[in-house]
């Protein structure tokens, strides 16, 4: 697992180097639009600020601070920066599908949030309470010391909590509560 914090510069690398998960915190000025692409891993994207929209397959979302996007593996997606003079800030969580399977239980498949997003064709969650919880979990991971005793266990629990929270949101809400 890897945790990255960067206050400047675009990250061109769209490849995951960890076998479990990576959390990226980025804050950029003059960020350029990212080309349409896909990954062989799952992505949770937490938009914090900036002027941007996001395309996932045929769905286009104008982003507001706190928006959470769920991007299933293999789905084409693209960021579109509307005003590159504004600071663009976000968290991005990349999760390996084998890792999700490993940390799931027989009763709880942690891919559920991504499967629900696919089924509903709604990849955006716009909910203040969910957004705050997800942001706190991602921030805790990025601020943790990777080599400190217990960090691996604590961060795995944070990832589980994040995925359970997102799945519960989908399972407890009907389509009318999702932003399109």
C-alpha atoms as a PDB file:
ATOM      1  CA  UNK A   1       0.000   0.000   0.000  1.00  0.00           C
ATOM      2  CA  UNK A   2       1.153   3.505  -0.745  1.00  0.00           C
ATOM      3  CA  UNK A   3       0.071   6.942   0.370  1.00  0.00           C
ATOM      4  CA  UNK A   4       0.958  10.067  -1.561  1.00  0.00           C
ATOM      5  CA  UNK A   5       0.606  13.755  -0.718  1.00  0.00           C
ATOM      6  CA  UNK A   6       1.580  16.313  -3.320  1.00  0.00           C
ATOM      7  CA  UNK A   7       0.973  20.016  -3.394  1.00  0.00           C
ATOM      8  CA  UNK A   8       2.079  20.633  -6.967  1.00  0.00           C
ATOM      9  CA  UNK A   9       2.557  19.021 -10.321  1.00  0.00           C
ATOM     10  CA  UNK A  10       0.336  16.760 -12.368  1.00  0.00           C
ATOM     11  CA  UNK A  11       0.586  13.056 -11.873  1.00  0.00           C
ATOM     12  CA  UNK A  12       0.928  11.511 -15.271  1.00  0.00           C
ATOM     13  CA  UNK A  13       1.276   7.986 -13.945  1.00  0.00           C
ATOM     14  CA  UNK A  14      -2.106   6.295 -14.160  1.00  0.00           C
ATOM     15  CA  UNK A  15      -0.634   2.921 -13.215  1.00  0.00           C
ATOM     16  CA  UNK A  16      -0.996   1.392  -9.794  1.00  0.00           C
ATOM     17  CA  UNK A  17       2.276   0.157  -8.298  1.00  0.00           C
ATOM     18  CA  UNK A  18       0.833  -1.430  -5.144  1.00  0.00           C
ATOM     19  CA  UNK A  19      -0.797  -4.859  -4.960  1.00  0.00           C
ATOM     20  CA  UNK A  20      -3.417  -3.585  -2.510  1.00  0.00           C
ATOM     21  CA  UNK A  21      -4.327   0.107  -2.682  1.00  0.00           C
ATOM     22  CA  UNK A  22      -2.955   3.598  -3.157  1.00  0.00           C
ATOM     23  CA  UNK A  23      -4.311   6.900  -1.882  1.00  0.00           C
ATOM     24  CA  UNK A  24      -3.274  10.064  -3.676  1.00  0.00           C
ATOM     25  CA  UNK A  25      -3.903  13.543  -2.313  1.00  0.00           C
ATOM     26  CA  UNK A  26      -3.247  16.210  -4.925  1.00  0.00           C
ATOM     27  CA  UNK A  27      -3.528  19.965  -5.053  1.00  0.00           C
ATOM     28  CA  UNK A  28      -2.530  21.589  -8.342  1.00  0.00           C
ATOM     29  CA  UNK A  29      -2.597  24.895 -10.174  1.00  0.00           C
ATOM     30  CA  UNK A  30      -2.676  24.956 -13.977  1.00  0.00           C
ATOM     31  CA  UNK A  31      -3.785  21.322 -14.155  1.00  0.00           C
ATOM     32  CA  UNK A  32      -4.536  20.155 -17.681  1.00  0.00           C
ATOM     33  CA  UNK A  33      -7.396  17.949 -18.757  1.00  0.00           C
ATOM     34  CA  UNK A  34      -6.741  14.203 -18.499  1.00  0.00           C
ATOM     35  CA  UNK A  35      -7.415  12.085 -21.588  1.00  0.00           C
ATOM     36  CA  UNK A  36     -10.128   9.404 -21.626  1.00  0.00           C
ATOM     37  CA  UNK A  37      -8.651   6.267 -20.056  1.00  0.00           C
ATOM     38  CA  UNK A  38      -9.475   3.193 -17.979  1.00  0.00           C
ATOM     39  CA  UNK A  39      -7.731   1.123 -15.319  1.00  0.00           C
ATOM     40  CA  UNK A  40      -7.614  -2.526 -14.285  1.00  0.00           C
ATOM     41  CA  UNK A  41      -8.372  -1.434 -10.705  1.00  0.00           C
ATOM     42  CA  UNK A  42     -11.241   0.324  -8.910  1.00  0.00           C
ATOM     43  CA  UNK A  43     -11.142   4.059  -8.219  1.00  0.00           C
ATOM     44  CA  UNK A  44     -12.841   6.253  -5.625  1.00  0.00           C
ATOM     45  CA  UNK A  45     -12.431   9.943  -6.444  1.00  0.00           C
ATOM     46  CA  UNK A  46     -13.179  12.649  -3.864  1.00  0.00           C
ATOM     47  CA  UNK A  47     -13.375  16.160  -5.353  1.00  0.00           C
ATOM     48  CA  UNK A  48     -12.404  18.874  -2.878  1.00  0.00           C
ATOM     49  CA  UNK A  49     -12.198  22.059  -4.947  1.00  0.00           C
ATOM     50  CA  UNK A  50     -11.649  23.470  -8.398  1.00  0.00           C
ATOM     51  CA  UNK A  51     -13.629  23.948 -11.568  1.00  0.00           C
ATOM     52  CA  UNK A  52     -14.088  20.618 -13.295  1.00  0.00           C
ATOM     53  CA  UNK A  53     -16.413  18.062 -14.749  1.00  0.00           C
ATOM     54  CA  UNK A  54     -15.935  14.327 -14.986  1.00  0.00           C
ATOM     55  CA  UNK A  55     -17.040  11.877 -17.648  1.00  0.00           C
ATOM     56  CA  UNK A  56     -17.549   8.191 -16.819  1.00  0.00           C
ATOM     57  CA  UNK A  57     -18.622   6.254 -19.901  1.00  0.00           C
ATOM     58  CA  UNK A  58     -21.671   8.219 -21.181  1.00  0.00           C
ATOM     59  CA  UNK A  59     -22.309  10.090 -17.903  1.00  0.00           C
ATOM     60  CA  UNK A  60     -21.006  13.647 -17.438  1.00  0.00           C
ATOM     61  CA  UNK A  61     -20.959  15.294 -14.020  1.00  0.00           C
ATOM     62  CA  UNK A  62     -20.250  18.928 -13.161  1.00  0.00           C
ATOM     63  CA  UNK A  63     -18.328  18.558  -9.923  1.00  0.00           C
ATOM     64  CA  UNK A  64     -19.045  20.315  -6.644  1.00  0.00           C
ATOM     65  CA  UNK A  65     -16.805  20.218  -3.568  1.00  0.00           C
ATOM     66  CA  UNK A  66     -17.411  16.978  -1.665  1.00  0.00           C
ATOM     67  CA  UNK A  67     -18.574  14.958  -4.669  1.00  0.00           C
ATOM     68  CA  UNK A  68     -17.574  11.295  -4.601  1.00  0.00           C
ATOM     69  CA  UNK A  69     -17.172   9.349  -7.834  1.00  0.00           C
ATOM     70  CA  UNK A  70     -17.037   5.562  -8.022  1.00  0.00           C
ATOM     71  CA  UNK A  71     -15.199   4.306 -11.077  1.00  0.00           C
ATOM     72  CA  UNK A  72     -15.402   0.548 -11.671  1.00  0.00           C
ATOM     73  CA  UNK A  73     -12.405  -1.171 -13.220  1.00  0.00           C
ATOM     74  CA  UNK A  74     -12.346  -1.075 -16.999  1.00  0.00           C
ATOM     75  CA  UNK A  75     -14.734   1.899 -17.293  1.00  0.00           C
ATOM     76  CA  UNK A  76     -13.598   4.760 -19.485  1.00  0.00           C
ATOM     77  CA  UNK A  77     -13.367   8.049 -17.614  1.00  0.00           C
ATOM     78  CA  UNK A  78     -11.958  11.521 -18.069  1.00  0.00           C
ATOM     79  CA  UNK A  79     -11.455  14.665 -16.043  1.00  0.00           C
ATOM     80  CA  UNK A  80     -12.254  17.941 -17.789  1.00  0.00           C
ATOM     81  CA  UNK A  81     -10.817  21.055 -16.116  1.00  0.00           C
ATOM     82  CA  UNK A  82     -13.042  24.073 -16.751  1.00  0.00           C
ATOM     83  CA  UNK A  83     -10.767  26.776 -15.272  1.00  0.00           C
ATOM     84  CA  UNK A  84      -7.098  25.856 -14.909  1.00  0.00           C
ATOM     85  CA  UNK A  85      -6.368  29.029 -12.900  1.00  0.00           C
ATOM     86  CA  UNK A  86      -8.355  27.632  -9.972  1.00  0.00           C
ATOM     87  CA  UNK A  87      -6.641  25.265  -7.548  1.00  0.00           C
ATOM     88  CA  UNK A  88      -7.685  21.693  -8.280  1.00  0.00           C
ATOM     89  CA  UNK A  89      -7.734  19.541  -5.115  1.00  0.00           C
ATOM     90  CA  UNK A  90      -8.794  15.924  -4.697  1.00  0.00           C
ATOM     91  CA  UNK A  91      -8.228  12.530  -3.130  1.00  0.00           C
ATOM     92  CA  UNK A  92      -7.966   9.506  -5.377  1.00  0.00           C
ATOM     93  CA  UNK A  93      -8.115   5.965  -4.029  1.00  0.00           C
ATOM     94  CA  UNK A  94      -7.040   3.119  -6.278  1.00  0.00           C
ATOM     95  CA  UNK A  95      -7.913  -0.400  -5.128  1.00  0.00           C
ATOM     96  CA  UNK A  96      -6.758  -3.681  -6.642  1.00  0.00           C
ATOM     97  CA  UNK A  97      -9.657  -6.086  -7.335  1.00  0.00           C
ATOM     98  CA  UNK A  98      -7.783  -9.041  -5.789  1.00  0.00           C
ATOM     99  CA  UNK A  99      -7.227  -6.990  -2.643  1.00  0.00           C
ATOM    100  CA  UNK A 100     -10.934  -6.158  -2.389  1.00  0.00           C
ATOM    101  CA  UNK A 101     -11.762  -9.839  -2.711  1.00  0.00           C
ATOM    102  CA  UNK A 102      -9.174 -10.689  -0.024  1.00  0.00           C
ATOM    103  CA  UNK A 103     -10.579  -8.214   2.527  1.00  0.00           C
ATOM    104  CA  UNK A 104     -14.233  -9.046   1.778  1.00  0.00           C
ATOM    105  CA  UNK A 105     -16.093 -11.633   3.819  1.00  0.00           C
ATOM    106  CA  UNK A 106     -18.532 -14.342   2.723  1.00  0.00           C
ATOM    107  CA  UNK A 107     -21.383 -12.081   3.793  1.00  0.00           C
ATOM    108  CA  UNK A 108     -19.962  -8.742   2.648  1.00  0.00           C
ATOM    109  CA  UNK A 109     -18.598  -8.299  -0.871  1.00  0.00           C
ATOM    110  CA  UNK A 110     -16.778  -4.967  -0.744  1.00  0.00           C
ATOM    111  CA  UNK A 111     -17.176  -4.525  -4.520  1.00  0.00           C
ATOM    112  CA  UNK A 112     -20.872  -3.859  -3.905  1.00  0.00           C
ATOM    113  CA  UNK A 113     -20.607  -0.070  -4.170  1.00  0.00           C
ATOM    114  CA  UNK A 114     -19.041  -0.363  -7.625  1.00  0.00           C
ATOM    115  CA  UNK A 115     -21.576  -2.989  -8.737  1.00  0.00           C
ATOM    116  CA  UNK A 116     -24.447  -0.761  -7.567  1.00  0.00           C
ATOM    117  CA  UNK A 117     -22.972   2.225  -9.408  1.00  0.00           C
ATOM    118  CA  UNK A 118     -22.761   0.130 -12.584  1.00  0.00           C
ATOM    119  CA  UNK A 119     -26.289  -1.201 -12.208  1.00  0.00           C
ATOM    120  CA  UNK A 120     -27.806   2.241 -11.578  1.00  0.00           C
ATOM    121  CA  UNK A 121     -25.471   3.956 -14.093  1.00  0.00           C
ATOM    122  CA  UNK A 122     -24.960   6.587 -11.430  1.00  0.00           C
ATOM    123  CA  UNK A 123     -21.322   6.994 -10.466  1.00  0.00           C
ATOM    124  CA  UNK A 124     -21.668  10.194  -8.420  1.00  0.00           C
ATOM    125  CA  UNK A 125     -22.589  10.502  -4.764  1.00  0.00           C
ATOM    126  CA  UNK A 126     -23.448  14.012  -3.628  1.00  0.00           C
ATOM    127  CA  UNK A 127     -24.131  13.717   0.087  1.00  0.00           C
ATOM    128  CA  UNK A 128     -22.453  15.889   2.732  1.00  0.00           C
ATOM    129  CA  UNK A 129     -22.341  13.294   5.527  1.00  0.00           C
ATOM    130  CA  UNK A 130     -20.957  10.556   3.259  1.00  0.00           C
ATOM    131  CA  UNK A 131     -18.447  12.973   1.747  1.00  0.00           C
ATOM    132  CA  UNK A 132     -17.147  14.062   5.162  1.00  0.00           C
ATOM    133  CA  UNK A 133     -16.723  10.469   6.317  1.00  0.00           C
ATOM    134  CA  UNK A 134     -14.919   9.422   3.118  1.00  0.00           C
ATOM    135  CA  UNK A 135     -12.678  12.476   3.238  1.00  0.00           C
ATOM    136  CA  UNK A 136     -11.738  11.811   6.888  1.00  0.00           C
ATOM    137  CA  UNK A 137     -10.853   8.191   6.093  1.00  0.00           C
ATOM    138  CA  UNK A 138      -8.734   9.153   3.078  1.00  0.00           C
ATOM    139  CA  UNK A 139      -7.024  11.923   5.005  1.00  0.00           C
ATOM    140  CA  UNK A 140      -6.240   9.524   7.871  1.00  0.00           C
ATOM    141  CA  UNK A 141      -4.606   7.130   5.433  1.00  0.00           C
ATOM    142  CA  UNK A 142      -2.490   9.804   3.726  1.00  0.00           C
ATOM    143  CA  UNK A 143      -1.335  11.227   7.059  1.00  0.00           C
ATOM    144  CA  UNK A 144      -0.407   7.819   8.503  1.00  0.00           C
ATOM    145  CA  UNK A 145       3.221   6.750   8.662  1.00  0.00           C
ATOM    146  CA  UNK A 146       3.470   3.791   6.304  1.00  0.00           C
ATOM    147  CA  UNK A 147       6.185   1.979   8.279  1.00  0.00           C
ATOM    148  CA  UNK A 148       4.783   2.581  11.788  1.00  0.00           C
ATOM    149  CA  UNK A 149       3.588  -0.391  13.837  1.00  0.00           C
ATOM    150  CA  UNK A 150      -0.099  -1.156  13.200  1.00  0.00           C
ATOM    151  CA  UNK A 151      -0.523   1.254  10.290  1.00  0.00           C
ATOM    152  CA  UNK A 152      -1.202  -1.553   7.819  1.00  0.00           C
ATOM    153  CA  UNK A 153      -4.005  -2.963   9.985  1.00  0.00           C
ATOM    154  CA  UNK A 154      -5.511   0.458  10.708  1.00  0.00           C
ATOM    155  CA  UNK A 155      -5.488   1.443   7.047  1.00  0.00           C
ATOM    156  CA  UNK A 156      -7.042  -1.841   5.949  1.00  0.00           C
ATOM    157  CA  UNK A 157      -9.859  -1.142   8.426  1.00  0.00           C
ATOM    158  CA  UNK A 158     -10.215   2.363   6.978  1.00  0.00           C
ATOM    159  CA  UNK A 159     -10.504   0.943   3.453  1.00  0.00           C
ATOM    160  CA  UNK A 160     -13.116  -1.563   4.624  1.00  0.00           C
ATOM    161  CA  UNK A 161     -15.075   1.187   6.392  1.00  0.00           C
ATOM    162  CA  UNK A 162     -14.946   3.382   3.306  1.00  0.00           C
ATOM    163  CA  UNK A 163     -16.228   0.620   1.000  1.00  0.00           C
ATOM    164  CA  UNK A 164     -18.942  -0.449   3.457  1.00  0.00           C
ATOM    165  CA  UNK A 165     -20.098   3.176   3.833  1.00  0.00           C
ATOM    166  CA  UNK A 166     -20.362   3.621   0.071  1.00  0.00           C
ATOM    167  CA  UNK A 167     -22.177   0.302  -0.417  1.00  0.00           C
ATOM    168  CA  UNK A 168     -24.624   1.040   2.395  1.00  0.00           C
ATOM    169  CA  UNK A 169     -25.414   4.386   0.814  1.00  0.00           C
ATOM    170  CA  UNK A 170     -26.325   2.693  -2.477  1.00  0.00           C
ATOM    171  CA  UNK A 171     -28.270  -0.102  -0.811  1.00  0.00           C
ATOM    172  CA  UNK A 172     -30.254   2.220   1.500  1.00  0.00           C
ATOM    173  CA  UNK A 173     -31.141   4.859  -1.070  1.00  0.00           C
ATOM    174  CA  UNK A 174     -33.173   4.717  -4.213  1.00  0.00           C
ATOM    175  CA  UNK A 175     -32.075   6.207  -7.535  1.00  0.00           C
ATOM    176  CA  UNK A 176     -33.849   9.492  -6.796  1.00  0.00           C
ATOM    177  CA  UNK A 177     -31.192  10.405  -4.208  1.00  0.00           C
ATOM    178  CA  UNK A 178     -28.272  10.182  -6.650  1.00  0.00           C
ATOM    179  CA  UNK A 179     -26.958  13.162  -8.546  1.00  0.00           C
ATOM    180  CA  UNK A 180     -26.893  12.882 -12.321  1.00  0.00           C
END
